[in-house]
C-alpha atoms as a PDB file:
ATOM      1  CA  MET A   1     -84.214  22.914 -76.820  1.00  0.00           C
ATOM      2  CA  SER A   2     -83.884  26.180 -78.354  1.00  0.00           C
ATOM      3  CA  ASP A   3     -80.988  27.899 -76.473  1.00  0.00           C
ATOM      4  CA  THR A   4     -77.855  29.279 -77.819  1.00  0.00           C
ATOM      5  CA  TYR A   5     -74.480  29.242 -76.211  1.00  0.00           C
ATOM      6  CA  ALA A   6     -71.771  31.997 -77.013  1.00  0.00           C
ATOM      7  CA  VAL A   7     -68.359  30.008 -77.418  1.00  0.00           C
ATOM      8  CA  GLY A   8     -64.897  31.500 -77.485  1.00  0.00           C
ATOM      9  CA  ILE A   9     -61.542  29.554 -78.341  1.00  0.00           C
ATOM     10  CA  ILE A  10     -58.249  30.967 -76.932  1.00  0.00           C
ATOM     11  CA  GLY A  11     -55.495  29.301 -79.293  1.00  0.00           C
ATOM     12  CA  ALA A  12     -57.966  28.199 -82.208  1.00  0.00           C
ATOM     13  CA  ARG A  13     -54.611  28.219 -84.676  1.00  0.00           C
ATOM     14  CA  GLY A  14     -52.863  24.879 -83.592  1.00  0.00           C
ATOM     15  CA  HIS A  15     -54.119  21.451 -84.151  1.00  0.00           C
ATOM     16  CA  THR A  16     -56.553  21.044 -81.147  1.00  0.00           C
ATOM     17  CA  GLY A  17     -57.844  24.520 -81.758  1.00  0.00           C
ATOM     18  CA  ALA A  18     -58.579  23.797 -85.382  1.00  0.00           C
ATOM     19  CA  GLU A  19     -60.511  20.455 -84.400  1.00  0.00           C
ATOM     20  CA  LEU A  20     -62.518  22.354 -82.079  1.00  0.00           C
ATOM     21  CA  THR A  21     -63.680  24.743 -84.097  1.00  0.00           C
ATOM     22  CA  SER A  22     -64.439  22.119 -86.690  1.00  0.00           C
ATOM     23  CA  ILE A  23     -66.704  20.348 -84.206  1.00  0.00           C
ATOM     24  CA  LEU A  24     -68.326  23.348 -82.660  1.00  0.00           C
ATOM     25  CA  ALA A  25     -69.098  24.802 -86.447  1.00  0.00           C
ATOM     26  CA  ARG A  26     -71.925  21.829 -86.602  1.00  0.00           C
ATOM     27  CA  HIS A  27     -72.884  22.008 -82.867  1.00  0.00           C
ATOM     28  CA  PRO A  28     -76.634  22.734 -83.042  1.00  0.00           C
ATOM     29  CA  TYR A  29     -76.504  24.744 -79.626  1.00  0.00           C
ATOM     30  CA  VAL A  30     -73.549  26.718 -79.829  1.00  0.00           C
ATOM     31  CA  GLU A  31     -72.057  29.943 -81.906  1.00  0.00           C
ATOM     32  CA  VAL A  32     -68.207  30.396 -81.663  1.00  0.00           C
ATOM     33  CA  VAL A  33     -67.982  34.458 -81.476  1.00  0.00           C
ATOM     34  CA  LEU A  34     -64.429  34.021 -80.724  1.00  0.00           C
ATOM     35  CA  ALA A  35     -61.520  32.600 -82.011  1.00  0.00           C
ATOM     36  CA  GLY A  36     -58.090  33.916 -80.536  1.00  0.00           C
ATOM     37  CA  SER A  37     -54.785  33.760 -82.396  1.00  0.00           C
ATOM     38  CA  ARG A  38     -52.018  36.667 -82.983  1.00  0.00           C
ATOM     39  CA  GLU A  39     -50.262  35.002 -85.853  1.00  0.00           C
ATOM     40  CA  LEU A  40     -53.521  34.556 -87.839  1.00  0.00           C
ATOM     41  CA  ALA A  41     -55.189  37.742 -86.690  1.00  0.00           C
ATOM     42  CA  GLY A  42     -57.698  38.890 -89.454  1.00  0.00           C
ATOM     43  CA  GLN A  43     -57.948  35.929 -91.523  1.00  0.00           C
ATOM     44  CA  PRO A  44     -61.020  33.975 -91.570  1.00  0.00           C
ATOM     45  CA  VAL A  45     -61.623  30.764 -89.935  1.00  0.00           C
ATOM     46  CA  PRO A  46     -61.771  28.254 -92.238  1.00  0.00           C
ATOM     47  CA  SER A  47     -64.796  26.390 -90.788  1.00  0.00           C
ATOM     48  CA  ILE A  48     -66.924  29.245 -89.343  1.00  0.00           C
ATOM     49  CA  ASP A  49     -68.579  31.420 -92.000  1.00  0.00           C
ATOM     50  CA  GLY A  50     -68.071  35.297 -91.508  1.00  0.00           C
ATOM     51  CA  LEU A  51     -65.854  34.788 -88.033  1.00  0.00           C
ATOM     52  CA  SER A  52     -62.288  35.845 -88.247  1.00  0.00           C
ATOM     53  CA  PHE A  53     -59.185  35.165 -85.813  1.00  0.00           C
ATOM     54  CA  GLU A  54     -58.313  38.066 -83.690  1.00  0.00           C
ATOM     55  CA  SER A  55     -55.592  39.036 -81.373  1.00  0.00           C
ATOM     56  CA  LEU A  56     -56.956  39.271 -77.978  1.00  0.00           C
ATOM     57  CA  ALA A  57     -55.690  40.106 -74.363  1.00  0.00           C
ATOM     58  CA  PRO A  58     -57.467  38.551 -71.314  1.00  0.00           C
ATOM     59  CA  ALA A  59     -59.247  41.905 -70.586  1.00  0.00           C
ATOM     60  CA  ASP A  60     -60.637  41.687 -74.151  1.00  0.00           C
ATOM     61  CA  VAL A  61     -62.049  38.207 -73.551  1.00  0.00           C
ATOM     62  CA  ALA A  62     -63.618  39.402 -70.435  1.00  0.00           C
ATOM     63  CA  ALA A  63     -65.268  41.923 -71.908  1.00  0.00           C
ATOM     64  CA  ARG A  64     -67.265  39.864 -74.488  1.00  0.00           C
ATOM     65  CA  ASP A  65     -70.463  38.353 -73.592  1.00  0.00           C
ATOM     66  CA  LEU A  66     -69.500  34.549 -73.375  1.00  0.00           C
ATOM     67  CA  ASP A  67     -71.141  31.223 -71.824  1.00  0.00           C
ATOM     68  CA  ALA A  68     -67.983  28.733 -72.495  1.00  0.00           C
ATOM     69  CA  LEU A  69     -64.455  29.511 -73.163  1.00  0.00           C
ATOM     70  CA  PHE A  70     -61.891  26.987 -74.270  1.00  0.00           C
ATOM     71  CA  LEU A  71     -58.220  27.280 -73.699  1.00  0.00           C
ATOM     72  CA  ALA A  72     -56.561  25.268 -76.227  1.00  0.00           C
ATOM     73  CA  LEU A  73     -53.063  26.828 -75.084  1.00  0.00           C
ATOM     74  CA  PRO A  74     -49.499  25.304 -74.314  1.00  0.00           C
ATOM     75  CA  ASN A  75     -49.206  24.429 -70.808  1.00  0.00           C
ATOM     76  CA  GLY A  76     -48.428  27.185 -68.165  1.00  0.00           C
ATOM     77  CA  VAL A  77     -50.001  30.339 -70.343  1.00  0.00           C
ATOM     78  CA  GLY A  78     -53.719  29.807 -69.954  1.00  0.00           C
ATOM     79  CA  GLY A  79     -53.804  31.270 -66.445  1.00  0.00           C
ATOM     80  CA  PRO A  80     -54.346  35.097 -67.111  1.00  0.00           C
ATOM     81  CA  TRP A  81     -57.866  34.091 -69.540  1.00  0.00           C
ATOM     82  CA  SER A  82     -59.596  31.757 -67.002  1.00  0.00           C
ATOM     83  CA  GLU A  83     -58.948  34.379 -64.516  1.00  0.00           C
ATOM     84  CA  ALA A  84     -60.214  37.170 -66.363  1.00  0.00           C
ATOM     85  CA  VAL A  85     -63.614  35.510 -67.367  1.00  0.00           C
ATOM     86  CA  SER A  86     -67.012  35.167 -65.098  1.00  0.00           C
ATOM     87  CA  ALA A  87     -66.920  32.669 -62.437  1.00  0.00           C
ATOM     88  CA  ASP A  88     -70.526  31.615 -64.050  1.00  0.00           C
ATOM     89  CA  ASP A  89     -68.755  31.113 -67.310  1.00  0.00           C
ATOM     90  CA  VAL A  90     -67.532  27.372 -68.050  1.00  0.00           C
ATOM     91  CA  VAL A  91     -63.715  27.187 -68.617  1.00  0.00           C
ATOM     92  CA  VAL A  92     -62.371  23.914 -70.412  1.00  0.00           C
ATOM     93  CA  ASP A  93     -58.740  24.030 -70.283  1.00  0.00           C
ATOM     94  CA  ILE A  94     -57.105  21.307 -72.878  1.00  0.00           C
ATOM     95  CA  SER A  95     -53.574  22.453 -71.500  1.00  0.00           C
ATOM     96  CA  ALA A  96     -52.545  20.494 -67.953  1.00  0.00           C
ATOM     97  CA  ASP A  97     -52.473  23.555 -65.950  1.00  0.00           C
ATOM     98  CA  HIS A  98     -55.336  22.477 -63.848  1.00  0.00           C
ATOM     99  CA  ARG A  99     -55.159  18.741 -64.338  1.00  0.00           C
ATOM    100  CA  PHE A 100     -53.472  18.642 -60.429  1.00  0.00           C
ATOM    101  CA  ASP A 101     -55.774  21.153 -58.825  1.00  0.00           C
ATOM    102  CA  ASP A 102     -59.114  21.360 -57.663  1.00  0.00           C
ATOM    103  CA  TRP A 103     -60.545  22.001 -61.174  1.00  0.00           C
ATOM    104  CA  VAL A 104     -62.641  19.544 -61.751  1.00  0.00           C
ATOM    105  CA  TYR A 105     -61.218  16.694 -63.769  1.00  0.00           C
ATOM    106  CA  GLY A 106     -62.606  16.265 -67.076  1.00  0.00           C
ATOM    107  CA  LEU A 107     -62.879  12.428 -68.047  1.00  0.00           C
ATOM    108  CA  PRO A 108     -66.610  11.936 -68.328  1.00  0.00           C
ATOM    109  CA  GLU A 109     -66.322   8.096 -68.725  1.00  0.00           C
ATOM    110  CA  LEU A 110     -65.151   7.988 -65.030  1.00  0.00           C
ATOM    111  CA  ASN A 111     -66.045  11.386 -63.326  1.00  0.00           C
ATOM    112  CA  ARG A 112     -69.330  12.177 -64.904  1.00  0.00           C
ATOM    113  CA  GLU A 113     -71.216  13.383 -62.173  1.00  0.00           C
ATOM    114  CA  LYS A 114     -68.561  15.895 -60.797  1.00  0.00           C
ATOM    115  CA  ILE A 115     -68.462  17.415 -64.695  1.00  0.00           C
ATOM    116  CA  SER A 116     -72.353  18.050 -64.637  1.00  0.00           C
ATOM    117  CA  GLY A 117     -72.658  21.742 -64.060  1.00  0.00           C
ATOM    118  CA  ALA A 118     -68.920  22.659 -63.218  1.00  0.00           C
ATOM    119  CA  ARG A 119     -67.321  25.660 -64.240  1.00  0.00           C
ATOM    120  CA  ARG A 120     -63.831  24.983 -64.411  1.00  0.00           C
ATOM    121  CA  ILE A 121     -62.833  21.540 -65.987  1.00  0.00           C
ATOM    122  CA  ALA A 122     -59.331  20.419 -66.608  1.00  0.00           C
ATOM    123  CA  ASN A 123     -59.231  18.537 -70.155  1.00  0.00           C
ATOM    124  CA  PRO A 124     -57.513  15.206 -69.578  1.00  0.00           C
ATOM    125  CA  GLY A 125     -54.370  14.628 -71.377  1.00  0.00           C
ATOM    126  CA  CYS A 126     -54.472  12.406 -74.563  1.00  0.00           C
ATOM    127  CA  TYR A 127     -52.350   9.154 -73.392  1.00  0.00           C
ATOM    128  CA  ALA A 128     -53.961   9.947 -69.898  1.00  0.00           C
ATOM    129  CA  THR A 129     -57.112   9.142 -71.087  1.00  0.00           C
ATOM    130  CA  ALA A 130     -56.304   5.773 -72.720  1.00  0.00           C
ATOM    131  CA  ILE A 131     -54.228   4.639 -69.663  1.00  0.00           C
ATOM    132  CA  GLN A 132     -57.068   5.310 -67.256  1.00  0.00           C
ATOM    133  CA  LEU A 133     -60.110   3.916 -69.447  1.00  0.00           C
ATOM    134  CA  ILE A 134     -57.995   0.717 -69.752  1.00  0.00           C
ATOM    135  CA  VAL A 135     -56.555   0.264 -66.008  1.00  0.00           C
ATOM    136  CA  ALA A 136     -59.591   1.898 -64.147  1.00  0.00           C
ATOM    137  CA  PRO A 137     -61.516  -1.599 -64.295  1.00  0.00           C
ATOM    138  CA  PHE A 138     -59.312  -3.653 -63.073  1.00  0.00           C
ATOM    139  CA  LEU A 139     -57.917  -1.418 -60.218  1.00  0.00           C
ATOM    140  CA  ASP A 140     -59.426  -3.615 -57.352  1.00  0.00           C
ATOM    141  CA  GLU A 141     -56.965  -6.537 -58.909  1.00  0.00           C
ATOM    142  CA  VAL A 142     -54.110  -4.878 -60.006  1.00  0.00           C
ATOM    143  CA  ASP A 143     -50.747  -6.205 -58.663  1.00  0.00           C
ATOM    144  CA  GLY A 144     -47.596  -3.527 -58.288  1.00  0.00           C
ATOM    145  CA  VAL A 145     -47.700  -1.083 -61.219  1.00  0.00           C
ATOM    146  CA  PRO A 146     -49.286  -1.529 -64.615  1.00  0.00           C
ATOM    147  CA  VAL A 147     -46.732  -0.568 -67.421  1.00  0.00           C
ATOM    148  CA  VAL A 148     -47.991   1.159 -70.432  1.00  0.00           C
ATOM    149  CA  PHE A 149     -45.919   1.412 -73.878  1.00  0.00           C
ATOM    150  CA  GLY A 150     -47.242   4.545 -75.787  1.00  0.00           C
ATOM    151  CA  VAL A 151     -46.981   5.666 -79.453  1.00  0.00           C
ATOM    152  CA  SER A 152     -48.422   8.578 -81.118  1.00  0.00           C
ATOM    153  CA  GLY A 153     -48.635  10.585 -84.494  1.00  0.00           C
ATOM    154  CA  HIS A 154     -46.556  13.898 -84.023  1.00  0.00           C
ATOM    155  CA  SER A 155     -49.430  16.332 -83.916  1.00  0.00           C
ATOM    156  CA  GLY A 156     -49.037  15.497 -80.480  1.00  0.00           C
ATOM    157  CA  ALA A 157     -45.937  17.374 -80.499  1.00  0.00           C
ATOM    158  CA  GLY A 158     -47.883  20.707 -81.010  1.00  0.00           C
ATOM    159  CA  THR A 159     -46.525  23.456 -83.913  1.00  0.00           C
ATOM    160  CA  THR A 160     -43.768  24.967 -82.318  1.00  0.00           C
ATOM    161  CA  PRO A 161     -40.693  23.005 -84.456  1.00  0.00           C
ATOM    162  CA  SER A 162     -38.482  20.274 -82.484  1.00  0.00           C
ATOM    163  CA  PRO A 163     -37.192  17.354 -82.844  1.00  0.00           C
ATOM    164  CA  ARG A 164     -40.405  15.243 -82.518  1.00  0.00           C
ATOM    165  CA  ASN A 165     -42.622  17.053 -85.174  1.00  0.00           C
ATOM    166  CA  ASP A 166     -39.524  17.213 -87.726  1.00  0.00           C
ATOM    167  CA  PRO A 167     -40.948  15.282 -90.451  1.00  0.00           C
ATOM    168  CA  GLU A 168     -37.085  14.272 -91.719  1.00  0.00           C
ATOM    169  CA  ASN A 169     -36.212  13.361 -87.854  1.00  0.00           C
ATOM    170  CA  LEU A 170     -39.377  11.345 -87.732  1.00  0.00           C
ATOM    171  CA  ARG A 171     -38.859   9.620 -91.155  1.00  0.00           C
ATOM    172  CA  ASP A 172     -38.516   5.877 -90.539  1.00  0.00           C
ATOM    173  CA  ASN A 173     -38.071   6.263 -87.544  1.00  0.00           C
ATOM    174  CA  LEU A 174     -39.357   6.015 -83.933  1.00  0.00           C
ATOM    175  CA  ILE A 175     -38.659   8.224 -81.286  1.00  0.00           C
ATOM    176  CA  PRO A 176     -39.015   7.601 -77.271  1.00  0.00           C
ATOM    177  CA  TYR A 177     -38.832  10.535 -74.975  1.00  0.00           C
ATOM    178  CA  MET A 178     -39.790  11.553 -71.510  1.00  0.00           C
ATOM    179  CA  LEU A 179     -39.309   7.711 -70.339  1.00  0.00           C
ATOM    180  CA  THR A 180     -40.007   8.782 -67.035  1.00  0.00           C
ATOM    181  CA  GLY A 181     -41.656  11.394 -65.185  1.00  0.00           C
ATOM    182  CA  HIS A 182     -43.863  12.308 -68.096  1.00  0.00           C
ATOM    183  CA  VAL A 183     -47.014  14.370 -67.228  1.00  0.00           C
ATOM    184  CA  HIS A 184     -49.346  11.695 -68.426  1.00  0.00           C
ATOM    185  CA  GLU A 185     -47.778   9.317 -66.235  1.00  0.00           C
ATOM    186  CA  GLU A 186     -48.589  11.500 -63.481  1.00  0.00           C
ATOM    187  CA  GLU A 187     -51.571  12.553 -64.328  1.00  0.00           C
ATOM    188  CA  ALA A 188     -52.920   8.972 -64.653  1.00  0.00           C
ATOM    189  CA  THR A 189     -51.307   8.292 -61.101  1.00  0.00           C
ATOM    190  CA  ARG A 190     -53.096  10.977 -59.392  1.00  0.00           C
ATOM    191  CA  HIS A 191     -56.694  10.473 -60.920  1.00  0.00           C
ATOM    192  CA  LEU A 192     -56.851   6.655 -60.412  1.00  0.00           C
ATOM    193  CA  GLY A 193     -55.128   6.954 -57.233  1.00  0.00           C
ATOM    194  CA  HIS A 194     -52.474   3.962 -58.196  1.00  0.00           C
ATOM    195  CA  ALA A 195     -49.086   4.078 -59.630  1.00  0.00           C
ATOM    196  CA  VAL A 196     -48.490   3.575 -63.427  1.00  0.00           C
ATOM    197  CA  ARG A 197     -45.395   3.548 -65.624  1.00  0.00           C
ATOM    198  CA  PHE A 198     -45.455   4.918 -69.231  1.00  0.00           C
ATOM    199  CA  MET A 199     -43.085   5.038 -71.913  1.00  0.00           C
ATOM    200  CA  PRO A 200     -44.149   7.460 -74.611  1.00  0.00           C
ATOM    201  CA  HIS A 201     -42.763   7.026 -78.120  1.00  0.00           C
ATOM    202  CA  VAL A 202     -43.646   9.529 -81.709  1.00  0.00           C
ATOM    203  CA  HIS A 203     -43.510   8.135 -84.985  1.00  0.00           C
ATOM    204  CA  PRO A 204     -44.219   9.741 -88.443  1.00  0.00           C
ATOM    205  CA  ALA A 205     -47.775   9.741 -88.897  1.00  0.00           C
ATOM    206  CA  PHE A 206     -49.397  13.078 -87.986  1.00  0.00           C
ATOM    207  CA  ARG A 207     -52.327  11.815 -85.665  1.00  0.00           C
ATOM    208  CA  GLY A 208     -53.433   8.676 -83.635  1.00  0.00           C
ATOM    209  CA  LEU A 209     -52.383   7.007 -80.473  1.00  0.00           C
ATOM    210  CA  LEU A 210     -51.956   3.665 -79.265  1.00  0.00           C
ATOM    211  CA  VAL A 211     -51.434   2.440 -75.807  1.00  0.00           C
ATOM    212  CA  THR A 212     -50.500  -1.339 -74.743  1.00  0.00           C
ATOM    213  CA  ALA A 213     -50.607  -1.752 -71.096  1.00  0.00           C
ATOM    214  CA  HIS A 214     -49.433  -4.789 -68.942  1.00  0.00           C
ATOM    215  CA  LEU A 215     -51.233  -5.354 -65.531  1.00  0.00           C
ATOM    216  CA  SER A 216     -50.319  -7.843 -62.800  1.00  0.00           C
ATOM    217  CA  ILE A 217     -53.215  -9.298 -61.763  1.00  0.00           C
ATOM    218  CA  ARG A 218     -53.241 -10.699 -57.954  1.00  0.00           C
ATOM    219  CA  THR A 219     -55.199 -13.678 -58.194  1.00  0.00           C
ATOM    220  CA  GLY A 220     -55.279 -14.276 -61.973  1.00  0.00           C
ATOM    221  CA  ILE A 221     -57.886 -13.620 -64.662  1.00  0.00           C
ATOM    222  CA  THR A 222     -58.932 -15.234 -68.091  1.00  0.00           C
ATOM    223  CA  ALA A 223     -58.903 -13.155 -71.276  1.00  0.00           C
ATOM    224  CA  ALA A 224     -62.703 -13.741 -71.696  1.00  0.00           C
ATOM    225  CA  THR A 225     -63.527 -12.724 -67.674  1.00  0.00           C
ATOM    226  CA  ALA A 226     -61.156  -9.547 -68.616  1.00  0.00           C
ATOM    227  CA  HIS A 227     -62.673  -8.801 -72.256  1.00  0.00           C
ATOM    228  CA  ALA A 228     -66.196  -9.014 -70.073  1.00  0.00           C
ATOM    229  CA  ARG A 229     -65.069  -6.528 -67.661  1.00  0.00           C
ATOM    230  CA  LEU A 230     -64.031  -4.016 -69.915  1.00  0.00           C
ATOM    231  CA  ALA A 231     -67.623  -4.429 -72.019  1.00  0.00           C
ATOM    232  CA  ASP A 232     -69.745  -4.228 -68.688  1.00  0.00           C
ATOM    233  CA  ALA A 233     -67.742  -1.355 -67.285  1.00  0.00           C
ATOM    234  CA  TYR A 234     -68.357   0.690 -71.009  1.00  0.00           C
ATOM    235  CA  ARG A 235     -71.463  -0.620 -72.064  1.00  0.00           C
ATOM    236  CA  PHE A 236     -73.088   2.462 -71.900  1.00  0.00           C
ATOM    237  CA  GLU A 237     -70.177   4.691 -73.055  1.00  0.00           C
ATOM    238  CA  ALA A 238     -70.831   5.811 -76.750  1.00  0.00           C
ATOM    239  CA  LEU A 239     -67.363   7.184 -77.196  1.00  0.00           C
ATOM    240  CA  VAL A 240     -65.687   3.672 -75.722  1.00  0.00           C
ATOM    241  CA  ASP A 241     -65.647   0.795 -78.240  1.00  0.00           C
ATOM    242  CA  VAL A 242     -64.586  -2.498 -76.375  1.00  0.00           C
ATOM    243  CA  GLN A 243     -63.651  -5.185 -79.340  1.00  0.00           C
ATOM    244  CA  ASP A 244     -62.488  -8.899 -79.305  1.00  0.00           C
ATOM    245  CA  ASP A 245     -59.430  -7.776 -82.408  1.00  0.00           C
ATOM    246  CA  ILE A 246     -56.296  -5.910 -80.868  1.00  0.00           C
ATOM    247  CA  PRO A 247     -56.414  -2.229 -82.145  1.00  0.00           C
ATOM    248  CA  THR A 248     -53.863  -0.721 -84.236  1.00  0.00           C
ATOM    249  CA  LEU A 249     -52.920   2.975 -84.142  1.00  0.00           C
ATOM    250  CA  ARG A 250     -54.791   3.443 -87.504  1.00  0.00           C
ATOM    251  CA  ASP A 251     -57.859   2.330 -85.943  1.00  0.00           C
ATOM    252  CA  GLY A 252     -57.798   5.469 -83.471  1.00  0.00           C
ATOM    253  CA  ALA A 253     -56.997   8.113 -86.116  1.00  0.00           C
ATOM    254  CA  GLY A 254     -60.017   9.955 -87.112  1.00  0.00           C
ATOM    255  CA  ARG A 255     -62.436   8.346 -84.495  1.00  0.00           C
ATOM    256  CA  SER A 256     -64.374  10.392 -82.073  1.00  0.00           C
ATOM    257  CA  GLY A 257     -63.987   7.845 -79.355  1.00  0.00           C
ATOM    258  CA  VAL A 258     -61.510   5.046 -77.847  1.00  0.00           C
ATOM    259  CA  VAL A 259     -61.438   1.812 -78.710  1.00  0.00           C
ATOM    260  CA  ILE A 260     -60.404  -1.037 -76.522  1.00  0.00           C
ATOM    261  CA  GLY A 261     -59.448  -4.503 -77.240  1.00  0.00           C
ATOM    262  CA  GLY A 262     -56.674  -7.409 -78.015  1.00  0.00           C
ATOM    263  CA  THR A 263     -57.468  -8.414 -74.382  1.00  0.00           C
ATOM    264  CA  THR A 264     -54.805 -11.263 -73.904  1.00  0.00           C
ATOM    265  CA  VAL A 265     -53.540 -12.992 -70.784  1.00  0.00           C
ATOM    266  CA  SER A 266     -50.062 -14.632 -69.955  1.00  0.00           C
ATOM    267  CA  ALA A 267     -49.989 -18.388 -69.565  1.00  0.00           C
ATOM    268  CA  ASP A 268     -50.230 -18.399 -65.706  1.00  0.00           C
ATOM    269  CA  GLY A 269     -53.330 -16.075 -65.770  1.00  0.00           C
ATOM    270  CA  LEU A 270     -51.253 -13.573 -63.716  1.00  0.00           C
ATOM    271  CA  GLY A 271     -50.336 -11.011 -66.611  1.00  0.00           C
ATOM    272  CA  LEU A 272     -52.698  -9.217 -68.764  1.00  0.00           C
ATOM    273  CA  ILE A 273     -52.363  -7.094 -71.841  1.00  0.00           C
ATOM    274  CA  VAL A 274     -54.802  -4.671 -72.960  1.00  0.00           C
ATOM    275  CA  VAL A 275     -54.833  -2.055 -76.214  1.00  0.00           C
ATOM    276  CA  ALA A 276     -56.190   1.350 -76.410  1.00  0.00           C
ATOM    277  CA  ALA A 277     -56.108   3.267 -79.606  1.00  0.00           C
ATOM    278  CA  GLU A 278     -57.656   6.843 -80.154  1.00  0.00           C
ATOM    279  CA  ASP A 279     -56.942  10.343 -81.858  1.00  0.00           C
ATOM    280  CA  ASN A 280     -54.833  12.430 -79.626  1.00  0.00           C
ATOM    281  CA  LEU A 281     -56.730  15.349 -81.521  1.00  0.00           C
ATOM    282  CA  LEU A 282     -59.981  14.113 -80.663  1.00  0.00           C
ATOM    283  CA  LYS A 283     -61.310  12.092 -77.817  1.00  0.00           C
ATOM    284  CA  GLY A 284     -57.603  12.803 -76.506  1.00  0.00           C
ATOM    285  CA  ALA A 285     -58.208  16.605 -76.795  1.00  0.00           C
ATOM    286  CA  ALA A 286     -60.895  18.347 -78.757  1.00  0.00           C
ATOM    287  CA  VAL A 287     -63.665  16.019 -78.316  1.00  0.00           C
ATOM    288  CA  GLN A 288     -63.260  15.502 -75.051  1.00  0.00           C
ATOM    289  CA  ALA A 289     -63.580  19.196 -74.321  1.00  0.00           C
ATOM    290  CA  VAL A 290     -66.918  19.565 -76.336  1.00  0.00           C
ATOM    291  CA  GLN A 291     -68.205  16.289 -73.809  1.00  0.00           C
ATOM    292  CA  ASN A 292     -67.086  18.082 -70.989  1.00  0.00           C
ATOM    293  CA  MET A 293     -68.724  21.667 -72.241  1.00  0.00           C
ATOM    294  CA  ASN A 294     -72.033  20.049 -72.892  1.00  0.00           C
ATOM    295  CA  LEU A 295     -72.107  18.406 -69.374  1.00  0.00           C
ATOM    296  CA  ALA A 296     -71.317  21.411 -67.919  1.00  0.00           C
ATOM    297  CA  LEU A 297     -74.027  23.561 -69.539  1.00  0.00           C
ATOM    298  CA  GLY A 298     -76.876  21.073 -69.122  1.00  0.00           C
ATOM    299  CA  LEU A 299     -76.630  19.631 -72.809  1.00  0.00           C
ATOM    300  CA  PRO A 300     -77.059  15.757 -74.142  1.00  0.00           C
ATOM    301  CA  GLU A 301     -73.471  14.811 -73.645  1.00  0.00           C
ATOM    302  CA  THR A 302     -72.713  13.649 -77.467  1.00  0.00           C
ATOM    303  CA  THR A 303     -73.984  16.710 -79.156  1.00  0.00           C
ATOM    304  CA  GLY A 304     -71.862  17.890 -81.856  1.00  0.00           C
ATOM    305  CA  ILE A 305     -69.836  14.990 -81.619  1.00  0.00           C
ATOM    306  CA  LEU A 306     -71.860  12.112 -83.216  1.00  0.00           C
END
């Protein structure tokens, strides 16, 4: 394979944009030719020699010869860029803007066939990724609504100052927020086709994410059977590791994929607990975006990732 694909990133200054440039810098079939950031315009991109940040309008991006464009922007602002570029170009939107419309939903482990060859891909949310990977193998047996506790590092709150990324506010603290109606709750519900309830929290670590899910199982289950179900579901997935031990938040931080484990069952066999850890900036954002680009361009899925 000798083709090189020209790739751009809008929103390259943020946490996810920085992870994207780092991953794509080592991708053997990609050349990053555009890194958009108004705040850093003219400054060199740290991970890519010879490339500087640029302040770009949608028309400027449309005039460039790109094969793929990543939108690493806040919710609600990426539309002009995705509308400006050619319909033949791959666009991977890392915001929540297209997770509820006709764009292809980019969770490869559950939607790989539709992603392959797609040109408009909605990258899943970090929490929504972990929630769906836990719940999906048990959907046929779930009774009622799974309840999920989540905690993440403060990078998930972005770079705009807020109480959820303020070091002083976070010091020795755990902050609950959006305890109903969180967009990742709605996202997981939509794409699982089954309601979930989700309670997110943020704590002082910079990165990493942990979810603990409680599922009521209609006819009961054993811990061994539940573990085997997960292991079978993801046995061919390079970015999902099913283990016996309970993952901790630290196990997900810096990891390209997701680790799922700690499968535990209540004494009556009806309550199943499963834990998942991932990096909110990697499999929860940038790694998954590169997975999606690879599938869309017909490249091996984990190229540049593993």
